[in-house]
Amino acid sequence: QVQLVESGGGLVQPGESLRLSCAASGIIFRIYHMGWYRQTPGNERELVAIINTGGSTNYADSVKGRFTISRDNAKNTVYLQMDGLKPEDTAVYYCNAHYVGSTSLDYWGQGTQVTVSS
């Protein structure tokens, strides 16, 4: 049974930081590309950051220079360090595990709420 469990969300003021974690189980973590997405009510889920199996990263323009994605294959965990948070970062953040091989597999976490407000 595959599980992706996010944690670390919460309410912070503009300019503050949060660190999201996503612990994976039931998959061979090191062979999955991992990503963070976010969604606000009435909008589509959007990519925030991804890290591939080799450790290369890519970010949405809106978070470049503020957010950092990393992974610890020994702990089956992916992180999203979010600094300089803005009200427009408010969303539900989802962890994604993506495998590309003879078949494509996608798994999602349940989401964690991040609210940036003064």
Protein backbone atom coordinates (compact mmCIF):
# COMPACT_ATOMS: atom_id res chain seq x y z
CA GLN A 1 0.00 0.00 0.00
CA VAL A 2 1.47 3.31 -1.12
CA GLN A 3 1.29 6.23 1.27
CA LEU A 4 2.56 9.78 0.97
CA VAL A 5 2.10 11.67 4.22
CA GLU A 6 2.67 15.42 4.24
CA SER A 7 3.36 17.45 7.35
CA GLY A 8 4.61 20.88 8.33
CA GLY A 9 1.83 23.12 7.09
CA GLY A 10 0.33 25.87 9.18
CA LEU A 11 -0.42 29.55 9.60
CA VAL A 12 2.46 32.01 9.30
CA GLN A 13 2.92 35.72 8.73
CA PRO A 14 4.32 37.18 5.51
CA GLY A 15 8.09 36.85 5.34
CA GLU A 16 8.25 33.84 7.62
CA SER A 17 9.32 30.30 6.75
CA LEU A 18 7.88 26.80 6.78
CA ARG A 19 9.33 23.41 5.99
CA LEU A 20 7.06 20.80 4.51
CA SER A 21 7.90 17.10 4.69
CA CYS A 22 6.49 14.18 2.75
CA ALA A 23 7.23 10.69 4.01
CA ALA A 24 6.71 7.92 1.47
CA SER A 25 6.07 4.25 2.07
CA GLY A 26 5.17 1.34 -0.17
CA ILE A 27 7.35 2.53 -3.07
CA ILE A 28 11.00 2.25 -4.03
CA PHE A 29 11.51 5.92 -3.24
CA ARG A 30 14.85 6.41 -4.99
CA ILE A 31 13.43 5.58 -8.43
CA TYR A 32 10.58 8.09 -8.19
CA HIS A 33 10.73 11.72 -9.25
CA MET A 34 9.21 13.73 -6.41
CA GLY A 35 7.28 16.96 -6.57
CA TRP A 36 5.29 19.51 -4.63
CA TYR A 37 2.12 20.98 -6.07
CA ARG A 38 -0.39 23.42 -4.66
CA GLN A 39 -4.02 24.22 -5.18
CA THR A 40 -6.37 27.01 -4.17
CA PRO A 41 -10.18 26.85 -4.29
CA GLY A 42 -11.54 27.04 -7.82
CA ASN A 43 -8.14 26.66 -9.43
CA GLU A 44 -6.19 23.81 -10.95
CA ARG A 45 -3.37 22.16 -9.10
CA GLU A 46 -0.07 23.77 -10.09
CA LEU A 47 3.51 22.64 -9.95
CA VAL A 48 5.64 24.26 -7.27
CA ALA A 49 8.89 22.28 -7.43
CA ILE A 50 10.20 18.95 -8.58
CA ILE A 51 13.33 16.92 -7.88
CA ASN A 52 14.25 14.01 -10.06
CA THR A 53 15.93 10.76 -9.14
CA GLY A 54 19.32 12.30 -9.82
CA GLY A 55 18.69 15.29 -7.59
CA SER A 56 18.11 17.87 -10.32
CA THR A 57 15.46 20.43 -9.44
CA ASN A 58 13.01 22.72 -11.18
CA TYR A 59 10.79 25.44 -9.76
CA ALA A 60 7.79 27.50 -10.70
CA ASP A 61 8.85 31.05 -11.52
CA SER A 62 6.72 32.36 -8.65
CA VAL A 63 8.80 30.54 -6.03
CA LYS A 64 12.31 30.62 -7.51
CA GLY A 65 14.81 31.96 -5.03
CA ARG A 66 12.42 31.47 -2.09
CA PHE A 67 11.63 27.75 -2.04
CA THR A 68 14.04 24.81 -1.99
CA ILE A 69 13.12 21.20 -2.66
CA SER A 70 15.33 18.37 -1.41
CA ARG A 71 15.12 14.64 -0.85
CA ASP A 72 16.61 12.13 1.54
CA ASN A 73 16.49 8.71 -0.07
CA ALA A 74 17.63 7.04 3.15
CA LYS A 75 14.54 8.41 4.91
CA ASN A 76 12.15 8.09 1.94
CA THR A 77 11.31 11.75 2.45
CA VAL A 78 11.07 14.84 0.29
CA TYR A 79 11.15 18.35 1.74
CA LEU A 80 10.06 21.80 0.67
CA GLN A 81 11.77 24.66 2.48
CA MET A 82 9.67 27.77 1.99
CA ASP A 83 11.26 31.10 2.89
CA GLY A 84 9.96 34.60 2.41
CA LEU A 85 6.39 33.41 2.31
CA LYS A 86 3.78 35.65 0.71
CA PRO A 87 -0.02 35.71 1.05
CA GLU A 88 -0.26 34.38 -2.51
CA ASP A 89 1.54 31.21 -1.38
CA THR A 90 -1.57 30.31 0.61
CA ALA A 91 -2.82 26.95 -0.69
CA VAL A 92 -3.11 23.27 0.01
CA TYR A 93 0.24 21.71 -0.79
CA TYR A 94 0.39 18.18 -2.20
CA CYS A 95 3.26 15.76 -2.48
CA ASN A 96 3.59 13.73 -5.68
CA ALA A 97 5.61 10.64 -6.54
CA HIS A 98 6.06 10.01 -10.27
CA TYR A 99 7.62 6.95 -11.88
CA VAL A 100 8.51 6.73 -15.55
CA GLY A 101 9.34 3.32 -16.90
CA SER A 102 7.54 0.78 -19.06
CA THR A 103 4.50 2.28 -17.41
CA SER A 104 3.86 5.59 -15.71
CA LEU A 105 2.75 5.74 -12.09
CA ASP A 106 1.58 8.69 -10.01
CA TYR A 107 0.80 8.84 -6.32
CA TRP A 108 -0.48 11.78 -4.25
CA GLY A 109 -0.54 12.71 -0.63
CA GLN A 110 -3.60 14.03 1.17
CA GLY A 111 -2.35 17.61 1.24
CA THR A 112 -1.36 20.06 3.93
CA GLN A 113 -2.72 23.58 4.33
CA VAL A 114 -0.35 26.53 4.22
CA THR A 115 -1.83 29.91 5.13
CA VAL A 116 0.18 33.12 4.94
CA SER A 117 -1.61 36.01 6.57
CA SER A 118 -0.94 38.92 8.86
